[in-house]
Amino acid sequence: MDPIFAQMTDVIVSGLPDKARELARQAVSSGIDPLEAIEKGFKPGMDIVGDGFTKGDLFIPDLVMSGEAMKAAIAVLEPELVARGQRREVAGTVVIGTVKGDIHEIGKTLVGTMLAANGFEVHDLGVDIPASAFVDAVRNTGANVVGLSALLTTTLLNQETVIHTLEEAGLRDRVKVIIGGVPASPEWAAEIGADGYAENATEAVTVERELVG
């Protein structure tokens, strides 16, 4: 492995946004293909962190900091990709948000970060999002996946509301719906007609890859 790619991987694992940004700029100035920098340098770091999180060796703060480092690197490399007429292979287009009445953000944000690191185009709507906003976002982005987060038992029903609203809008057949959140479960996903359930951010990547083939 090229030493700079190894350094890129290390700064993501270590969760160092400033260093990740610096290495991304170094890659651009050195003429390194930005796509290679992402796929061979930075993304493997997120894979390592995701694997460590799944195994219980790493924790949410580790995932958060690594996600911030990844975002910092991508922010530098994305304009260079555009300038070269390149783009990363898109695994799928995802609209994600925390449902109406719920303002919990960290779990949803981690899922979005991990999906983006793994080649998904992510449109994060934020928190306290009404069902109509999910519908509008699907129409505007052409998304093929909708991710619904709910951290409160009292807002869990709003995941079902979004699914019903997608059906009423004639959009349900074109999107896969994945749900998550502490009170959610595979059984709840089946009951409300969702296509999948993920317990955490790394599992969300696996499930969404399966859903979009």
N, C-alpha and C. Protein backbone atom coordinates (compact mmCIF):
# COMPACT_ATOMS: atom_id res chain seq x y z
N MET A 1 0.85 -1.20 0.00
CA MET A 1 0.00 0.00 0.00
C MET A 1 0.88 1.25 0.00
N ASP A 2 0.49 2.24 -0.81
CA ASP A 2 1.18 3.51 -0.81
C ASP A 2 1.15 4.09 0.61
N PRO A 3 2.30 4.58 1.09
CA PRO A 3 2.35 5.10 2.48
C PRO A 3 1.28 6.15 2.77
N ILE A 4 0.96 7.01 1.80
CA ILE A 4 -0.04 8.05 2.08
C ILE A 4 -1.42 7.44 2.25
N PHE A 5 -1.71 6.34 1.54
CA PHE A 5 -2.99 5.67 1.73
C PHE A 5 -3.08 5.09 3.14
N ALA A 6 -1.97 4.53 3.61
CA ALA A 6 -1.94 3.98 4.97
C ALA A 6 -2.15 5.09 6.00
N GLN A 7 -1.58 6.26 5.74
CA GLN A 7 -1.77 7.40 6.65
C GLN A 7 -3.23 7.84 6.65
N MET A 8 -3.83 7.85 5.47
CA MET A 8 -5.25 8.23 5.38
C MET A 8 -6.12 7.29 6.21
N THR A 9 -5.85 6.01 6.07
CA THR A 9 -6.60 5.02 6.85
C THR A 9 -6.42 5.25 8.33
N ASP A 10 -5.21 5.52 8.74
CA ASP A 10 -4.90 5.71 10.16
C ASP A 10 -5.62 6.93 10.75
N VAL A 11 -5.68 8.04 9.98
CA VAL A 11 -6.30 9.24 10.54
C VAL A 11 -7.81 9.06 10.68
N ILE A 12 -8.40 8.24 9.81
CA ILE A 12 -9.84 7.97 9.96
C ILE A 12 -10.07 7.10 11.20
N VAL A 13 -9.26 6.06 11.34
CA VAL A 13 -9.39 5.18 12.51
C VAL A 13 -9.17 5.98 13.80
N SER A 14 -8.23 6.91 13.76
CA SER A 14 -7.91 7.71 14.95
C SER A 14 -8.89 8.86 15.16
N GLY A 15 -9.72 9.14 14.15
CA GLY A 15 -10.72 10.20 14.28
C GLY A 15 -10.12 11.58 14.34
N LEU A 16 -9.29 11.93 13.33
CA LEU A 16 -8.58 13.21 13.31
C LEU A 16 -8.99 14.03 12.09
N PRO A 17 -10.05 14.83 12.21
CA PRO A 17 -10.55 15.59 11.06
C PRO A 17 -9.52 16.52 10.43
N ASP A 18 -8.78 17.26 11.24
CA ASP A 18 -7.80 18.21 10.70
C ASP A 18 -6.72 17.49 9.91
N LYS A 19 -6.25 16.38 10.43
CA LYS A 19 -5.22 15.61 9.74
C LYS A 19 -5.78 14.98 8.46
N ALA A 20 -7.04 14.54 8.51
CA ALA A 20 -7.67 13.96 7.32
C ALA A 20 -7.78 15.02 6.22
N ARG A 21 -8.16 16.23 6.63
CA ARG A 21 -8.28 17.33 5.67
C ARG A 21 -6.92 17.65 5.05
N GLU A 22 -5.91 17.65 5.90
CA GLU A 22 -4.54 17.94 5.44
C GLU A 22 -4.05 16.88 4.44
N LEU A 23 -4.31 15.62 4.73
CA LEU A 23 -3.88 14.55 3.83
C LEU A 23 -4.66 14.59 2.51
N ALA A 24 -5.92 14.96 2.58
CA ALA A 24 -6.72 15.08 1.35
C ALA A 24 -6.15 16.19 0.47
N ARG A 25 -5.80 17.31 1.09
CA ARG A 25 -5.19 18.42 0.32
C ARG A 25 -3.85 18.00 -0.26
N GLN A 26 -3.09 17.25 0.53
CA GLN A 26 -1.80 16.75 0.06
C GLN A 26 -1.98 15.83 -1.16
N ALA A 27 -3.02 15.01 -1.11
CA ALA A 27 -3.29 14.11 -2.23
C ALA A 27 -3.61 14.90 -3.49
N VAL A 28 -4.44 15.95 -3.34
CA VAL A 28 -4.81 16.78 -4.49
C VAL A 28 -3.58 17.46 -5.07
N SER A 29 -2.76 18.06 -4.22
CA SER A 29 -1.57 18.78 -4.70
C SER A 29 -0.53 17.84 -5.30
N SER A 30 -0.55 16.58 -4.87
CA SER A 30 0.42 15.60 -5.39
C SER A 30 -0.07 14.91 -6.65
N GLY A 31 -1.30 15.22 -7.06
CA GLY A 31 -1.83 14.62 -8.28
C GLY A 31 -2.40 13.22 -8.09
N ILE A 32 -2.62 12.83 -6.84
CA ILE A 32 -3.23 11.52 -6.58
C ILE A 32 -4.69 11.56 -6.99
N ASP A 33 -5.13 10.54 -7.68
CA ASP A 33 -6.53 10.45 -8.10
C ASP A 33 -7.42 10.54 -6.87
N PRO A 34 -8.34 11.52 -6.81
CA PRO A 34 -9.19 11.69 -5.62
C PRO A 34 -10.05 10.46 -5.34
N LEU A 35 -10.46 9.77 -6.41
CA LEU A 35 -11.27 8.57 -6.22
C LEU A 35 -10.45 7.48 -5.55
N GLU A 36 -9.19 7.36 -5.95
CA GLU A 36 -8.29 6.38 -5.31
C GLU A 36 -8.04 6.76 -3.86
N ALA A 37 -7.90 8.06 -3.59
CA ALA A 37 -7.67 8.51 -2.22
C ALA A 37 -8.83 8.08 -1.32
N ILE A 38 -10.04 8.20 -1.85
CA ILE A 38 -11.22 7.81 -1.07
C ILE A 38 -11.29 6.30 -0.90
N GLU A 39 -11.20 5.59 -2.02
CA GLU A 39 -11.43 4.14 -2.00
C GLU A 39 -10.28 3.35 -1.39
N LYS A 40 -9.04 3.80 -1.59
CA LYS A 40 -7.88 3.06 -1.08
C LYS A 40 -7.32 3.63 0.22
N GLY A 41 -7.66 4.89 0.51
CA GLY A 41 -7.10 5.53 1.69
C GLY A 41 -8.09 5.73 2.81
N PHE A 42 -9.09 6.56 2.57
CA PHE A 42 -10.00 6.96 3.65
C PHE A 42 -11.08 5.92 3.96
N LYS A 43 -11.71 5.37 2.92
CA LYS A 43 -12.81 4.42 3.17
C LYS A 43 -12.38 3.20 3.97
N PRO A 44 -11.19 2.61 3.71
CA PRO A 44 -10.78 1.46 4.54
C PRO A 44 -10.74 1.78 6.03
N GLY A 45 -10.47 3.04 6.35
CA GLY A 45 -10.48 3.44 7.76
C GLY A 45 -11.86 3.33 8.36
N MET A 46 -12.88 3.76 7.61
CA MET A 46 -14.26 3.65 8.08
C MET A 46 -14.67 2.19 8.19
N ASP A 47 -14.17 1.36 7.27
CA ASP A 47 -14.48 -0.08 7.34
C ASP A 47 -13.93 -0.68 8.63
N ILE A 48 -12.72 -0.27 8.99
CA ILE A 48 -12.09 -0.78 10.22
C ILE A 48 -12.88 -0.33 11.44
N VAL A 49 -13.26 0.93 11.45
CA VAL A 49 -14.01 1.47 12.59
C VAL A 49 -15.38 0.80 12.69
N GLY A 50 -16.04 0.64 11.55
CA GLY A 50 -17.36 -0.02 11.55
C GLY A 50 -17.27 -1.44 12.07
N ASP A 51 -16.23 -2.14 11.66
CA ASP A 51 -16.04 -3.52 12.12
C ASP A 51 -15.76 -3.55 13.62
N GLY A 52 -14.94 -2.61 14.09
CA GLY A 52 -14.64 -2.53 15.52
C GLY A 52 -15.87 -2.20 16.34
N PHE A 53 -16.73 -1.33 15.80
CA PHE A 53 -17.96 -0.97 16.49
C PHE A 53 -18.89 -2.17 16.59
N THR A 54 -19.00 -2.92 15.50
CA THR A 54 -19.85 -4.11 15.47
C THR A 54 -19.39 -5.14 16.50
N LYS A 55 -18.08 -5.30 16.62
CA LYS A 55 -17.53 -6.28 17.55
C LYS A 55 -17.52 -5.82 19.00
N GLY A 56 -17.82 -4.54 19.23
CA GLY A 56 -17.83 -4.01 20.59
C GLY A 56 -16.48 -3.51 21.06
N ASP A 57 -15.52 -3.45 20.14
CA ASP A 57 -14.19 -2.94 20.51
C ASP A 57 -14.14 -1.42 20.47
N LEU A 58 -15.02 -0.81 19.68
CA LEU A 58 -15.11 0.64 19.58
C LEU A 58 -16.53 1.07 19.94
N PHE A 59 -16.67 2.37 20.23
CA PHE A 59 -17.95 2.86 20.74
C PHE A 59 -18.43 4.07 19.95
N ILE A 60 -19.61 4.57 20.29
CA ILE A 60 -20.21 5.67 19.55
C ILE A 60 -19.28 6.87 19.40
N PRO A 61 -18.58 7.32 20.47
CA PRO A 61 -17.67 8.45 20.26
C PRO A 61 -16.60 8.18 19.20
N ASP A 62 -16.12 6.93 19.14
CA ASP A 62 -15.14 6.57 18.11
C ASP A 62 -15.75 6.71 16.72
N LEU A 63 -16.98 6.23 16.58
CA LEU A 63 -17.67 6.30 15.30
C LEU A 63 -17.93 7.75 14.90
N VAL A 64 -18.30 8.57 15.87
CA VAL A 64 -18.56 9.98 15.61
C VAL A 64 -17.31 10.68 15.10
N MET A 65 -16.19 10.50 15.80
CA MET A 65 -14.95 11.19 15.41
C MET A 65 -14.43 10.69 14.07
N SER A 66 -14.53 9.40 13.83
CA SER A 66 -14.10 8.87 12.53
C SER A 66 -14.99 9.40 11.43
N GLY A 67 -16.28 9.52 11.71
CA GLY A 67 -17.21 10.08 10.74
C GLY A 67 -16.87 11.53 10.41
N GLU A 68 -16.50 12.30 11.43
CA GLU A 68 -16.11 13.69 11.20
C GLU A 68 -14.85 13.77 10.35
N ALA A 69 -13.90 12.86 10.60
CA ALA A 69 -12.67 12.83 9.81
C ALA A 69 -12.98 12.49 8.37
N MET A 70 -13.87 11.54 8.16
CA MET A 70 -14.25 11.15 6.80
C MET A 70 -14.92 12.31 6.08
N LYS A 71 -15.80 13.01 6.75
CA LYS A 71 -16.48 14.15 6.15
C LYS A 71 -15.47 15.22 5.75
N ALA A 72 -14.48 15.45 6.60
CA ALA A 72 -13.46 16.47 6.32
C ALA A 72 -12.68 16.13 5.05
N ALA A 73 -12.33 14.86 4.91
CA ALA A 73 -11.59 14.42 3.73
C ALA A 73 -12.44 14.54 2.47
N ILE A 74 -13.68 14.09 2.55
CA ILE A 74 -14.57 14.12 1.39
C ILE A 74 -14.84 15.56 0.95
N ALA A 75 -14.96 16.47 1.92
CA ALA A 75 -15.22 17.87 1.59
C ALA A 75 -14.10 18.45 0.72
N VAL A 76 -12.88 17.99 0.92
CA VAL A 76 -11.75 18.45 0.12
C VAL A 76 -11.72 17.75 -1.24
N LEU A 77 -12.01 16.45 -1.26
CA LEU A 77 -11.86 15.66 -2.47
C LEU A 77 -13.04 15.76 -3.43
N GLU A 78 -14.23 16.03 -2.91
CA GLU A 78 -15.43 16.07 -3.76
C GLU A 78 -15.31 17.11 -4.87
N PRO A 79 -14.89 18.35 -4.58
CA PRO A 79 -14.76 19.34 -5.66
C PRO A 79 -13.74 18.91 -6.73
N GLU A 80 -12.70 18.22 -6.30
CA GLU A 80 -11.71 17.74 -7.25
C GLU A 80 -12.29 16.65 -8.16
N LEU A 81 -13.15 15.81 -7.59
CA LEU A 81 -13.85 14.80 -8.39
C LEU A 81 -14.71 15.48 -9.46
N VAL A 82 -15.43 16.51 -9.05
CA VAL A 82 -16.30 17.23 -9.98
C VAL A 82 -15.46 17.88 -11.08
N ALA A 83 -14.34 18.50 -10.69
CA ALA A 83 -13.47 19.17 -11.66
C ALA A 83 -12.93 18.19 -12.70
N ARG A 84 -12.73 16.96 -12.29
CA ARG A 84 -12.21 15.94 -13.21
C ARG A 84 -13.30 15.18 -13.95
N GLY A 85 -14.53 15.54 -13.66
CA GLY A 85 -15.63 14.84 -14.30
C GLY A 85 -15.80 13.42 -13.78
N GLN A 86 -15.33 13.19 -12.55
CA GLN A 86 -15.45 11.87 -11.94
C GLN A 86 -16.55 11.89 -10.90
N ARG A 87 -16.99 10.71 -10.52
CA ARG A 87 -17.86 10.60 -9.36
C ARG A 87 -17.74 9.18 -8.82
N ARG A 88 -17.98 9.06 -7.54
CA ARG A 88 -17.93 7.73 -6.94
C ARG A 88 -19.12 6.91 -7.42
N GLU A 89 -18.91 5.63 -7.50
CA GLU A 89 -20.02 4.74 -7.83
C GLU A 89 -21.07 4.85 -6.73
N VAL A 90 -22.30 5.14 -7.13
CA VAL A 90 -23.38 5.34 -6.16
C VAL A 90 -24.08 4.02 -5.90
N ALA A 91 -24.05 3.58 -4.64
CA ALA A 91 -24.68 2.32 -4.27
C ALA A 91 -26.20 2.46 -4.19
N GLY A 92 -26.65 3.67 -3.94
CA GLY A 92 -28.08 3.94 -3.81
C GLY A 92 -28.26 5.36 -3.33
N THR A 93 -29.47 5.88 -3.46
CA THR A 93 -29.77 7.23 -2.99
C THR A 93 -30.73 7.13 -1.82
N VAL A 94 -30.31 7.69 -0.70
CA VAL A 94 -31.05 7.51 0.56
C VAL A 94 -31.55 8.84 1.09
N VAL A 95 -32.82 8.88 1.44
CA VAL A 95 -33.39 9.99 2.21
C VAL A 95 -33.53 9.49 3.64
N ILE A 96 -32.94 10.22 4.56
CA ILE A 96 -32.93 9.77 5.95
C ILE A 96 -33.36 10.91 6.87
N GLY A 97 -34.02 10.56 7.97
CA GLY A 97 -34.42 11.59 8.91
C GLY A 97 -35.04 10.97 10.16
N THR A 98 -35.13 11.78 11.20
CA THR A 98 -35.81 11.38 12.43
C THR A 98 -37.25 11.86 12.32
N VAL A 99 -38.18 10.97 12.62
CA VAL A 99 -39.60 11.25 12.34
C VAL A 99 -40.16 12.37 13.21
N LYS A 100 -41.34 12.84 12.80
CA LYS A 100 -42.04 13.94 13.47
C LYS A 100 -42.18 13.70 14.97
N GLY A 101 -41.89 14.75 15.75
CA GLY A 101 -42.04 14.67 17.19
C GLY A 101 -40.81 14.20 17.92
N ASP A 102 -39.77 13.81 17.17
CA ASP A 102 -38.56 13.25 17.78
C ASP A 102 -37.36 14.09 17.35
N ILE A 103 -36.56 14.56 18.30
CA ILE A 103 -35.43 15.43 17.97
C ILE A 103 -34.08 14.75 18.22
N HIS A 104 -34.08 13.43 18.38
CA HIS A 104 -32.83 12.72 18.57
C HIS A 104 -32.07 12.63 17.25
N GLU A 105 -30.80 12.93 17.29
CA GLU A 105 -30.06 13.09 16.05
C GLU A 105 -28.87 12.16 15.88
N ILE A 106 -28.19 11.81 16.96
CA ILE A 106 -26.89 11.17 16.81
C ILE A 106 -26.94 9.84 16.06
N GLY A 107 -27.93 8.99 16.37
CA GLY A 107 -28.01 7.70 15.70
C GLY A 107 -28.25 7.86 14.21
N LYS A 108 -29.16 8.75 13.86
CA LYS A 108 -29.48 9.01 12.46
C LYS A 108 -28.27 9.58 11.73
N THR A 109 -27.54 10.48 12.37
CA THR A 109 -26.37 11.09 11.76
C THR A 109 -25.26 10.06 11.52
N LEU A 110 -25.07 9.16 12.47
CA LEU A 110 -24.08 8.11 12.31
C LEU A 110 -24.42 7.20 11.13
N VAL A 111 -25.69 6.87 11.01
CA VAL A 111 -26.12 6.04 9.88
C VAL A 111 -25.82 6.76 8.56
N GLY A 112 -26.15 8.03 8.49
CA GLY A 112 -25.89 8.80 7.28
C GLY A 112 -24.41 8.86 6.94
N THR A 113 -23.58 9.03 7.96
CA THR A 113 -22.13 9.09 7.75
C THR A 113 -21.60 7.77 7.22
N MET A 114 -22.03 6.67 7.82
CA MET A 114 -21.56 5.36 7.39
C MET A 114 -22.04 5.04 5.98
N LEU A 115 -23.27 5.41 5.66
CA LEU A 115 -23.79 5.17 4.31
C LEU A 115 -23.00 5.98 3.28
N ALA A 116 -22.75 7.25 3.59
CA ALA A 116 -21.99 8.09 2.66
C ALA A 116 -20.59 7.54 2.45
N ALA A 117 -19.97 7.05 3.52
CA ALA A 117 -18.63 6.49 3.41
C ALA A 117 -18.61 5.23 2.54
N ASN A 118 -19.76 4.58 2.46
CA ASN A 118 -19.84 3.34 1.69
C ASN A 118 -20.50 3.52 0.32
N GLY A 119 -20.48 4.74 -0.18
CA GLY A 119 -20.89 4.98 -1.56
C GLY A 119 -22.33 5.33 -1.79
N PHE A 120 -23.11 5.53 -0.73
CA PHE A 120 -24.49 5.95 -0.90
C PHE A 120 -24.57 7.47 -1.00
N GLU A 121 -25.49 7.94 -1.80
CA GLU A 121 -25.78 9.38 -1.84
C GLU A 121 -26.83 9.63 -0.77
N VAL A 122 -26.48 10.42 0.23
CA VAL A 122 -27.34 10.58 1.41
C VAL A 122 -27.92 11.99 1.48
N HIS A 123 -29.23 12.05 1.64
CA HIS A 123 -29.93 13.32 1.85
C HIS A 123 -30.51 13.28 3.26
N ASP A 124 -29.84 13.93 4.18
CA ASP A 124 -30.24 13.93 5.59
C ASP A 124 -31.19 15.09 5.84
N LEU A 125 -32.43 14.77 6.15
CA LEU A 125 -33.45 15.80 6.34
C LEU A 125 -33.39 16.42 7.73
N GLY A 126 -32.72 15.76 8.68
CA GLY A 126 -32.63 16.28 10.03
C GLY A 126 -33.58 15.57 10.99
N VAL A 127 -34.10 16.33 11.95
CA VAL A 127 -34.96 15.75 12.98
C VAL A 127 -36.35 16.39 12.94
N ASP A 128 -37.31 15.71 13.61
CA ASP A 128 -38.69 16.21 13.71
C ASP A 128 -39.28 16.43 12.31
N ILE A 129 -39.13 15.41 11.45
CA ILE A 129 -39.51 15.55 10.04
C ILE A 129 -40.91 14.95 9.79
N PRO A 130 -41.84 15.74 9.27
CA PRO A 130 -43.19 15.22 8.98
C PRO A 130 -43.16 14.27 7.78
N ALA A 131 -44.16 13.44 7.70
CA ALA A 131 -44.23 12.45 6.63
C ALA A 131 -44.20 13.10 5.25
N SER A 132 -44.87 14.23 5.12
CA SER A 132 -44.93 14.91 3.82
C SER A 132 -43.55 15.32 3.33
N ALA A 133 -42.65 15.65 4.25
CA ALA A 133 -41.30 16.06 3.86
C ALA A 133 -40.50 14.88 3.30
N PHE A 134 -40.72 13.69 3.85
CA PHE A 134 -40.09 12.50 3.29
C PHE A 134 -40.58 12.26 1.86
N VAL A 135 -41.87 12.41 1.65
CA VAL A 135 -42.45 12.23 0.32
C VAL A 135 -41.84 13.23 -0.66
N ASP A 136 -41.79 14.50 -0.27
CA ASP A 136 -41.23 15.53 -1.14
C ASP A 136 -39.77 15.22 -1.47
N ALA A 137 -39.01 14.76 -0.47
CA ALA A 137 -37.60 14.47 -0.68
C ALA A 137 -37.40 13.31 -1.65
N VAL A 138 -38.25 12.29 -1.54
CA VAL A 138 -38.17 11.15 -2.47
C VAL A 138 -38.43 11.62 -3.89
N ARG A 139 -39.43 12.46 -4.05
CA ARG A 139 -39.76 12.99 -5.38
C ARG A 139 -38.59 13.83 -5.94
N ASN A 140 -38.02 14.67 -5.10
CA ASN A 140 -37.01 15.61 -5.56
C ASN A 140 -35.65 14.97 -5.81
N THR A 141 -35.35 13.89 -5.10
CA THR A 141 -34.01 13.29 -5.20
C THR A 141 -33.99 12.01 -6.02
N GLY A 142 -35.18 11.43 -6.25
CA GLY A 142 -35.21 10.13 -6.93
C GLY A 142 -34.67 9.02 -6.05
N ALA A 143 -34.76 9.20 -4.75
CA ALA A 143 -34.22 8.22 -3.80
C ALA A 143 -34.86 6.85 -3.98
N ASN A 144 -34.06 5.81 -3.73
CA ASN A 144 -34.61 4.45 -3.76
C ASN A 144 -34.61 3.81 -2.38
N VAL A 145 -34.16 4.56 -1.37
CA VAL A 145 -34.21 4.08 0.02
C VAL A 145 -34.65 5.23 0.92
N VAL A 146 -35.50 4.92 1.90
CA VAL A 146 -35.90 5.88 2.93
C VAL A 146 -35.53 5.29 4.28
N GLY A 147 -34.78 6.05 5.08
CA GLY A 147 -34.39 5.61 6.42
C GLY A 147 -35.12 6.42 7.47
N LEU A 148 -35.82 5.74 8.37
CA LEU A 148 -36.65 6.40 9.38
C LEU A 148 -36.14 6.08 10.78
N SER A 149 -35.74 7.11 11.50
CA SER A 149 -35.25 6.93 12.87
C SER A 149 -36.29 7.42 13.87
N ALA A 150 -36.44 6.68 14.97
CA ALA A 150 -37.31 7.10 16.08
C ALA A 150 -36.70 6.59 17.37
N LEU A 151 -36.43 7.49 18.29
CA LEU A 151 -35.81 7.10 19.56
C LEU A 151 -36.79 7.09 20.71
N LEU A 152 -38.01 7.53 20.47
CA LEU A 152 -39.03 7.57 21.52
C LEU A 152 -40.16 6.62 21.17
N THR A 153 -40.64 5.90 22.15
CA THR A 153 -41.76 5.00 21.93
C THR A 153 -42.98 5.77 21.42
N THR A 154 -43.14 6.99 21.90
CA THR A 154 -44.30 7.81 21.52
C THR A 154 -44.25 8.25 20.06
N THR A 155 -43.06 8.23 19.44
CA THR A 155 -42.96 8.67 18.04
C THR A 155 -42.81 7.49 17.07
N LEU A 156 -42.78 6.28 17.61
CA LEU A 156 -42.58 5.10 16.77
C LEU A 156 -43.67 4.97 15.71
N LEU A 157 -44.90 5.33 16.09
CA LEU A 157 -46.02 5.23 15.15
C LEU A 157 -45.83 6.12 13.93
N ASN A 158 -45.01 7.16 14.08
CA ASN A 158 -44.80 8.06 12.94
C ASN A 158 -43.96 7.41 11.84
N GLN A 159 -43.23 6.34 12.16
CA GLN A 159 -42.57 5.57 11.11
C GLN A 159 -43.63 4.94 10.21
N GLU A 160 -44.67 4.40 10.83
CA GLU A 160 -45.76 3.81 10.06
C GLU A 160 -46.49 4.88 9.24
N THR A 161 -46.63 6.07 9.82
CA THR A 161 -47.29 7.16 9.12
C THR A 161 -46.56 7.52 7.83
N VAL A 162 -45.23 7.54 7.90
CA VAL A 162 -44.44 7.85 6.70
C VAL A 162 -44.69 6.81 5.61
N ILE A 163 -44.72 5.55 6.01
CA ILE A 163 -44.95 4.47 5.03
C ILE A 163 -46.32 4.62 4.38
N HIS A 164 -47.33 4.90 5.19
CA HIS A 164 -48.68 5.09 4.64
C HIS A 164 -48.73 6.29 3.70
N THR A 165 -48.01 7.35 4.07
CA THR A 165 -48.00 8.56 3.23
C THR A 165 -47.29 8.31 1.91
N LEU A 166 -46.25 7.51 1.93
CA LEU A 166 -45.57 7.12 0.69
C LEU A 166 -46.52 6.32 -0.20
N GLU A 167 -47.30 5.45 0.44
CA GLU A 167 -48.28 4.65 -0.32
C GLU A 167 -49.33 5.55 -0.97
N GLU A 168 -49.84 6.50 -0.18
CA GLU A 168 -50.87 7.41 -0.69
C GLU A 168 -50.34 8.26 -1.84
N ALA A 169 -49.05 8.55 -1.80
CA ALA A 169 -48.44 9.38 -2.84
C ALA A 169 -48.03 8.56 -4.07
N GLY A 170 -48.23 7.25 -4.00
CA GLY A 170 -47.88 6.38 -5.12
C GLY A 170 -46.40 6.15 -5.26
N LEU A 171 -45.66 6.32 -4.16
CA LEU A 171 -44.19 6.20 -4.21
C LEU A 171 -43.66 4.97 -3.50
N ARG A 172 -44.53 4.25 -2.82
CA ARG A 172 -44.03 3.15 -1.98
C ARG A 172 -43.32 2.07 -2.79
N ASP A 173 -43.79 1.81 -3.98
CA ASP A 173 -43.22 0.72 -4.79
C ASP A 173 -41.81 1.03 -5.28
N ARG A 174 -41.43 2.29 -5.31
CA ARG A 174 -40.12 2.65 -5.85
C ARG A 174 -39.05 2.84 -4.79
N VAL A 175 -39.41 2.73 -3.51
CA VAL A 175 -38.42 2.89 -2.45
C VAL A 175 -38.45 1.72 -1.48
N LYS A 176 -37.29 1.42 -0.93
CA LYS A 176 -37.18 0.49 0.19
C LYS A 176 -37.15 1.32 1.47
N VAL A 177 -37.86 0.87 2.47
CA VAL A 177 -37.91 1.60 3.74
C VAL A 177 -37.20 0.80 4.82
N ILE A 178 -36.24 1.44 5.47
CA ILE A 178 -35.53 0.82 6.58
C ILE A 178 -35.77 1.67 7.82
N ILE A 179 -36.00 1.00 8.95
CA ILE A 179 -36.26 1.73 10.19
C ILE A 179 -35.20 1.39 11.23
N GLY A 180 -35.08 2.28 12.22
CA GLY A 180 -34.15 2.06 13.32
C GLY A 180 -34.53 2.91 14.51
N GLY A 181 -33.83 2.69 15.62
CA GLY A 181 -34.12 3.41 16.84
C GLY A 181 -34.31 2.43 17.99
N VAL A 182 -34.08 2.90 19.18
CA VAL A 182 -34.11 2.03 20.36
C VAL A 182 -35.42 1.24 20.50
N PRO A 183 -36.59 1.85 20.33
CA PRO A 183 -37.83 1.07 20.52
C PRO A 183 -38.22 0.24 19.30
N ALA A 184 -37.54 0.43 18.18
CA ALA A 184 -37.87 -0.32 16.96
C ALA A 184 -37.33 -1.74 17.04
N SER A 185 -37.81 -2.60 16.15
CA SER A 185 -37.39 -4.00 16.16
C SER A 185 -37.73 -4.62 14.80
N PRO A 186 -37.18 -5.79 14.51
CA PRO A 186 -37.57 -6.48 13.26
C PRO A 186 -39.07 -6.77 13.22
N GLU A 187 -39.63 -7.08 14.38
CA GLU A 187 -41.06 -7.39 14.43
C GLU A 187 -41.89 -6.15 14.10
N TRP A 188 -41.45 -5.00 14.62
CA TRP A 188 -42.16 -3.75 14.34
C TRP A 188 -42.03 -3.40 12.85
N ALA A 189 -40.86 -3.63 12.29
CA ALA A 189 -40.65 -3.38 10.86
C ALA A 189 -41.63 -4.21 10.02
N ALA A 190 -41.77 -5.47 10.38
CA ALA A 190 -42.69 -6.34 9.64
C ALA A 190 -44.14 -5.89 9.81
N GLU A 191 -44.47 -5.46 11.03
CA GLU A 191 -45.85 -5.06 11.32
C GLU A 191 -46.28 -3.84 10.51
N ILE A 192 -45.37 -2.88 10.33
CA ILE A 192 -45.75 -1.64 9.64
C ILE A 192 -45.43 -1.68 8.14
N GLY A 193 -44.88 -2.79 7.68
CA GLY A 193 -44.61 -2.92 6.26
C GLY A 193 -43.31 -2.31 5.79
N ALA A 194 -42.36 -2.13 6.72
CA ALA A 194 -41.03 -1.67 6.32
C ALA A 194 -40.28 -2.83 5.67
N ASP A 195 -39.24 -2.49 4.90
CA ASP A 195 -38.49 -3.53 4.20
C ASP A 195 -37.31 -4.05 5.01
N GLY A 196 -36.90 -3.30 6.05
CA GLY A 196 -35.76 -3.75 6.83
C GLY A 196 -35.63 -2.97 8.13
N TYR A 197 -34.81 -3.52 9.02
CA TYR A 197 -34.53 -2.91 10.32
C TYR A 197 -33.03 -3.01 10.58
N ALA A 198 -32.46 -1.96 11.15
CA ALA A 198 -31.05 -1.99 11.52
C ALA A 198 -30.89 -1.51 12.95
N GLU A 199 -30.08 -2.23 13.71
CA GLU A 199 -29.88 -1.89 15.12
C GLU A 199 -28.87 -0.77 15.29
N ASN A 200 -27.92 -0.66 14.35
CA ASN A 200 -26.88 0.37 14.47
C ASN A 200 -26.42 0.80 13.08
N ALA A 201 -25.46 1.72 13.06
CA ALA A 201 -25.03 2.32 11.79
C ALA A 201 -24.37 1.32 10.85
N THR A 202 -23.54 0.45 11.38
CA THR A 202 -22.85 -0.50 10.51
C THR A 202 -23.83 -1.54 9.96
N GLU A 203 -24.79 -1.92 10.78
CA GLU A 203 -25.81 -2.87 10.31
C GLU A 203 -26.67 -2.22 9.23
N ALA A 204 -26.89 -0.91 9.35
CA ALA A 204 -27.69 -0.19 8.36
C ALA A 204 -27.04 -0.28 6.98
N VAL A 205 -25.72 -0.19 6.94
CA VAL A 205 -25.01 -0.30 5.66
C VAL A 205 -25.26 -1.68 5.04
N THR A 206 -25.12 -2.71 5.85
CA THR A 206 -25.33 -4.08 5.36
C THR A 206 -26.75 -4.28 4.86
N VAL A 207 -27.72 -3.84 5.64
CA VAL A 207 -29.13 -4.02 5.27
C VAL A 207 -29.45 -3.25 3.99
N GLU A 208 -28.98 -2.02 3.90
CA GLU A 208 -29.32 -1.22 2.73
C GLU A 208 -28.64 -1.73 1.47
N ARG A 209 -27.45 -2.28 1.61
CA ARG A 209 -26.81 -2.92 0.46
C ARG A 209 -27.65 -4.09 -0.04
N GLU A 210 -28.17 -4.87 0.90
CA GLU A 210 -29.01 -6.01 0.53
C GLU A 210 -30.31 -5.54 -0.14
N LEU A 211 -30.89 -4.48 0.39
CA LEU A 211 -32.16 -3.99 -0.14
C LEU A 211 -32.04 -3.46 -1.56
N VAL A 212 -30.91 -2.81 -1.87
CA VAL A 212 -30.75 -2.24 -3.22
C VAL A 212 -29.98 -3.17 -4.14
N GLY A 213 -29.65 -4.36 -3.66
CA GLY A 213 -28.99 -5.35 -4.51
C GLY A 213 -27.55 -5.01 -4.81
